[in-house]
Amino acid sequence: MSIFSAIAGVSVTKTGFFNPPTLLGPIIGIIGCSMLTTLTNSTTTVQWIGYEILAGAGVGIANQQGYIAIQTYLPLSQTSIGTSLVLFT
């Protein structure tokens, strides 16, 4: 998660657009989590580790995007309120 969160943060900093990671992250996360539901006793270690990496990548990519959007659009005096509301929801 932390690696992909950092990659997404660098991407947003370079491009200025936080929408692509916001949309791409949940898609990757859903794919990874749905693959985790297929685990059985005969699933190999390589498979479940790959599924976990995929799910973690999706969550990591999308995790911080709401906070970045709040810090971008709200004035400094309202940033703490906006951040707490995003965390609450």
N, C-alpha and C. Protein backbone atom coordinates (compact mmCIF):
# COMPACT_ATOMS: atom_id res chain seq x y z
N MET A 1 0.81 -1.19 0.00
CA MET A 1 0.00 0.00 0.00
C MET A 1 0.85 1.25 0.00
N SER A 2 1.85 1.28 0.86
CA SER A 2 2.63 2.51 0.99
C SER A 2 3.43 2.82 -0.27
N ILE A 3 3.92 1.79 -0.93
CA ILE A 3 4.68 2.01 -2.17
C ILE A 3 3.78 2.61 -3.24
N PHE A 4 2.60 2.02 -3.42
CA PHE A 4 1.70 2.51 -4.45
C PHE A 4 1.06 3.84 -4.07
N SER A 5 0.92 4.10 -2.79
CA SER A 5 0.45 5.41 -2.35
C SER A 5 1.48 6.48 -2.69
N ALA A 6 2.74 6.17 -2.49
CA ALA A 6 3.82 7.12 -2.85
C ALA A 6 3.88 7.33 -4.35
N ILE A 7 3.72 6.26 -5.12
CA ILE A 7 3.74 6.39 -6.58
C ILE A 7 2.59 7.27 -7.05
N ALA A 8 1.40 7.05 -6.48
CA ALA A 8 0.24 7.87 -6.85
C ALA A 8 0.46 9.32 -6.45
N GLY A 9 1.07 9.55 -5.29
CA GLY A 9 1.35 10.91 -4.85
C GLY A 9 2.31 11.63 -5.78
N VAL A 10 3.34 10.94 -6.21
CA VAL A 10 4.29 11.52 -7.17
C VAL A 10 3.59 11.81 -8.49
N SER A 11 2.74 10.88 -8.92
CA SER A 11 2.00 11.07 -10.16
C SER A 11 1.10 12.30 -10.10
N VAL A 12 0.41 12.47 -8.99
CA VAL A 12 -0.48 13.63 -8.83
C VAL A 12 0.35 14.91 -8.78
N THR A 13 1.48 14.87 -8.12
CA THR A 13 2.34 16.05 -8.04
C THR A 13 2.87 16.45 -9.42
N LYS A 14 3.27 15.46 -10.21
CA LYS A 14 3.83 15.74 -11.53
C LYS A 14 2.77 16.22 -12.52
N THR A 15 1.59 15.57 -12.51
CA THR A 15 0.57 15.89 -13.51
C THR A 15 -0.41 16.95 -13.05
N GLY A 16 -0.66 17.03 -11.75
CA GLY A 16 -1.65 17.97 -11.24
C GLY A 16 -3.07 17.42 -11.25
N PHE A 17 -3.24 16.20 -11.71
CA PHE A 17 -4.56 15.59 -11.78
C PHE A 17 -4.67 14.47 -10.75
N PHE A 18 -5.66 14.57 -9.85
CA PHE A 18 -5.85 13.51 -8.88
C PHE A 18 -7.00 12.59 -9.25
N ASN A 19 -7.72 12.89 -10.32
CA ASN A 19 -8.83 12.03 -10.73
C ASN A 19 -8.41 10.66 -11.25
N PRO A 20 -7.37 10.53 -12.09
CA PRO A 20 -7.01 9.19 -12.58
C PRO A 20 -6.70 8.18 -11.47
N PRO A 21 -5.87 8.53 -10.46
CA PRO A 21 -5.66 7.56 -9.39
C PRO A 21 -6.92 7.30 -8.57
N THR A 22 -7.78 8.32 -8.45
CA THR A 22 -9.01 8.16 -7.70
C THR A 22 -9.93 7.15 -8.39
N LEU A 23 -9.91 7.11 -9.69
CA LEU A 23 -10.74 6.17 -10.43
C LEU A 23 -10.06 4.82 -10.64
N LEU A 24 -8.76 4.83 -10.85
CA LEU A 24 -8.02 3.60 -11.13
C LEU A 24 -7.82 2.74 -9.88
N GLY A 25 -7.58 3.38 -8.74
CA GLY A 25 -7.32 2.64 -7.50
C GLY A 25 -8.43 1.69 -7.09
N PRO A 26 -9.68 2.15 -7.02
CA PRO A 26 -10.75 1.23 -6.64
C PRO A 26 -10.94 0.08 -7.62
N ILE A 27 -10.72 0.34 -8.90
CA ILE A 27 -10.86 -0.74 -9.88
C ILE A 27 -9.82 -1.82 -9.62
N ILE A 28 -8.58 -1.42 -9.41
CA ILE A 28 -7.52 -2.39 -9.12
C ILE A 28 -7.79 -3.09 -7.79
N GLY A 29 -8.25 -2.32 -6.79
CA GLY A 29 -8.56 -2.91 -5.49
C GLY A 29 -9.69 -3.93 -5.56
N ILE A 30 -10.73 -3.63 -6.33
CA ILE A 30 -11.85 -4.56 -6.48
C ILE A 30 -11.39 -5.84 -7.16
N ILE A 31 -10.56 -5.71 -8.18
CA ILE A 31 -10.05 -6.90 -8.86
C ILE A 31 -9.24 -7.75 -7.89
N GLY A 32 -8.34 -7.10 -7.13
CA GLY A 32 -7.53 -7.85 -6.16
C GLY A 32 -8.36 -8.50 -5.07
N CYS A 33 -9.34 -7.78 -4.53
CA CYS A 33 -10.18 -8.35 -3.47
C CYS A 33 -11.07 -9.46 -4.00
N SER A 34 -11.56 -9.32 -5.23
CA SER A 34 -12.37 -10.40 -5.79
C SER A 34 -11.52 -11.64 -6.07
N MET A 35 -10.27 -11.44 -6.43
CA MET A 35 -9.37 -12.58 -6.60
C MET A 35 -9.10 -13.27 -5.26
N LEU A 36 -9.06 -12.49 -4.19
CA LEU A 36 -8.86 -13.09 -2.86
C LEU A 36 -10.01 -14.00 -2.46
N THR A 37 -11.22 -13.74 -2.99
CA THR A 37 -12.35 -14.60 -2.65
C THR A 37 -12.26 -15.96 -3.30
N THR A 38 -11.35 -16.13 -4.26
CA THR A 38 -11.20 -17.43 -4.94
C THR A 38 -10.18 -18.33 -4.25
N LEU A 39 -9.63 -17.92 -3.13
CA LEU A 39 -8.62 -18.72 -2.44
C LEU A 39 -9.21 -20.04 -1.93
N THR A 40 -8.46 -21.09 -2.09
CA THR A 40 -8.83 -22.40 -1.56
C THR A 40 -7.61 -22.99 -0.86
N ASN A 41 -7.77 -24.21 -0.36
CA ASN A 41 -6.64 -24.88 0.29
C ASN A 41 -5.53 -25.22 -0.69
N SER A 42 -5.86 -25.33 -1.96
CA SER A 42 -4.86 -25.69 -2.96
C SER A 42 -4.24 -24.48 -3.67
N THR A 43 -4.59 -23.27 -3.24
CA THR A 43 -4.03 -22.06 -3.85
C THR A 43 -2.54 -21.97 -3.50
N THR A 44 -1.75 -21.68 -4.52
CA THR A 44 -0.31 -21.59 -4.28
C THR A 44 0.04 -20.29 -3.57
N THR A 45 1.19 -20.29 -2.97
CA THR A 45 1.67 -19.10 -2.26
C THR A 45 1.85 -17.93 -3.22
N VAL A 46 2.35 -18.20 -4.41
CA VAL A 46 2.55 -17.14 -5.40
C VAL A 46 1.22 -16.48 -5.75
N GLN A 47 0.15 -17.27 -5.87
CA GLN A 47 -1.16 -16.71 -6.21
C GLN A 47 -1.67 -15.79 -5.11
N TRP A 48 -1.71 -16.26 -3.87
CA TRP A 48 -2.30 -15.40 -2.83
C TRP A 48 -1.46 -14.18 -2.53
N ILE A 49 -0.15 -14.29 -2.66
CA ILE A 49 0.69 -13.10 -2.48
C ILE A 49 0.42 -12.10 -3.61
N GLY A 50 0.28 -12.59 -4.83
CA GLY A 50 -0.03 -11.71 -5.95
C GLY A 50 -1.38 -11.03 -5.78
N TYR A 51 -2.37 -11.78 -5.29
CA TYR A 51 -3.70 -11.20 -5.06
C TYR A 51 -3.64 -10.12 -3.98
N GLU A 52 -2.88 -10.37 -2.93
CA GLU A 52 -2.74 -9.38 -1.87
C GLU A 52 -2.02 -8.13 -2.35
N ILE A 53 -1.00 -8.31 -3.18
CA ILE A 53 -0.29 -7.16 -3.73
C ILE A 53 -1.23 -6.34 -4.61
N LEU A 54 -2.04 -7.02 -5.42
CA LEU A 54 -2.99 -6.33 -6.29
C LEU A 54 -4.02 -5.55 -5.47
N ALA A 55 -4.57 -6.18 -4.44
CA ALA A 55 -5.55 -5.49 -3.59
C ALA A 55 -4.90 -4.31 -2.85
N GLY A 56 -3.70 -4.52 -2.32
CA GLY A 56 -2.99 -3.44 -1.63
C GLY A 56 -2.61 -2.30 -2.55
N ALA A 57 -2.28 -2.62 -3.80
CA ALA A 57 -1.95 -1.57 -4.77
C ALA A 57 -3.17 -0.69 -5.03
N GLY A 58 -4.32 -1.31 -5.19
CA GLY A 58 -5.54 -0.53 -5.43
C GLY A 58 -5.88 0.38 -4.27
N VAL A 59 -5.80 -0.16 -3.07
CA VAL A 59 -6.10 0.66 -1.89
C VAL A 59 -5.05 1.76 -1.72
N GLY A 60 -3.80 1.42 -1.95
CA GLY A 60 -2.72 2.41 -1.81
C GLY A 60 -2.84 3.54 -2.81
N ILE A 61 -3.24 3.22 -4.05
CA ILE A 61 -3.37 4.25 -5.07
C ILE A 61 -4.47 5.23 -4.71
N ALA A 62 -5.60 4.72 -4.22
CA ALA A 62 -6.77 5.57 -3.99
C ALA A 62 -6.83 6.17 -2.58
N ASN A 63 -6.04 5.69 -1.68
CA ASN A 63 -6.17 6.03 -0.26
C ASN A 63 -6.06 7.52 0.03
N GLN A 64 -5.10 8.20 -0.50
CA GLN A 64 -4.82 9.59 -0.13
C GLN A 64 -5.47 10.61 -1.05
N GLN A 65 -6.15 10.17 -2.09
CA GLN A 65 -6.64 11.11 -3.09
C GLN A 65 -7.71 12.06 -2.56
N GLY A 66 -8.56 11.59 -1.67
CA GLY A 66 -9.56 12.48 -1.07
C GLY A 66 -8.93 13.61 -0.28
N TYR A 67 -7.86 13.30 0.43
CA TYR A 67 -7.17 14.32 1.22
C TYR A 67 -6.46 15.34 0.32
N ILE A 68 -5.91 14.85 -0.79
CA ILE A 68 -5.26 15.75 -1.73
C ILE A 68 -6.28 16.70 -2.34
N ALA A 69 -7.46 16.18 -2.66
CA ALA A 69 -8.51 17.02 -3.24
C ALA A 69 -8.95 18.09 -2.25
N ILE A 70 -9.11 17.72 -1.00
CA ILE A 70 -9.51 18.69 0.03
C ILE A 70 -8.46 19.78 0.17
N GLN A 71 -7.20 19.40 0.22
CA GLN A 71 -6.13 20.39 0.38
C GLN A 71 -5.99 21.28 -0.84
N THR A 72 -6.41 20.78 -2.00
CA THR A 72 -6.32 21.56 -3.23
C THR A 72 -7.42 22.61 -3.32
N TYR A 73 -8.63 22.23 -2.96
CA TYR A 73 -9.78 23.09 -3.24
C TYR A 73 -10.27 23.94 -2.07
N LEU A 74 -10.01 23.53 -0.86
CA LEU A 74 -10.50 24.32 0.27
C LEU A 74 -9.46 25.33 0.73
N PRO A 75 -9.90 26.47 1.24
CA PRO A 75 -8.94 27.42 1.82
C PRO A 75 -8.29 26.82 3.07
N LEU A 76 -7.14 27.34 3.43
CA LEU A 76 -6.37 26.79 4.55
C LEU A 76 -7.18 26.75 5.84
N SER A 77 -8.04 27.73 6.05
CA SER A 77 -8.82 27.77 7.29
C SER A 77 -9.86 26.64 7.38
N GLN A 78 -10.24 26.05 6.25
CA GLN A 78 -11.25 24.99 6.25
C GLN A 78 -10.67 23.60 5.96
N THR A 79 -9.38 23.52 5.74
CA THR A 79 -8.76 22.26 5.38
C THR A 79 -8.91 21.21 6.48
N SER A 80 -8.76 21.59 7.72
CA SER A 80 -8.87 20.60 8.81
C SER A 80 -10.29 20.06 8.93
N ILE A 81 -11.29 20.91 8.73
CA ILE A 81 -12.68 20.45 8.79
C ILE A 81 -12.96 19.51 7.61
N GLY A 82 -12.51 19.88 6.42
CA GLY A 82 -12.71 19.04 5.24
C GLY A 82 -12.01 17.71 5.36
N THR A 83 -10.80 17.71 5.89
CA THR A 83 -10.06 16.47 6.08
C THR A 83 -10.76 15.55 7.08
N SER A 84 -11.25 16.11 8.17
CA SER A 84 -11.95 15.29 9.15
C SER A 84 -13.25 14.73 8.60
N LEU A 85 -13.93 15.49 7.75
CA LEU A 85 -15.16 14.98 7.12
C LEU A 85 -14.87 13.84 6.15
N VAL A 86 -13.77 13.96 5.39
CA VAL A 86 -13.39 12.86 4.50
C VAL A 86 -13.04 11.62 5.31
N LEU A 87 -12.31 11.80 6.38
CA LEU A 87 -11.95 10.67 7.25
C LEU A 87 -13.20 10.05 7.88
N PHE A 88 -14.16 10.87 8.27
CA PHE A 88 -15.38 10.38 8.89
C PHE A 88 -16.21 9.56 7.91
N THR A 89 -16.29 10.04 6.67
CA THR A 89 -17.10 9.31 5.70
C THR A 89 -16.37 8.11 5.18
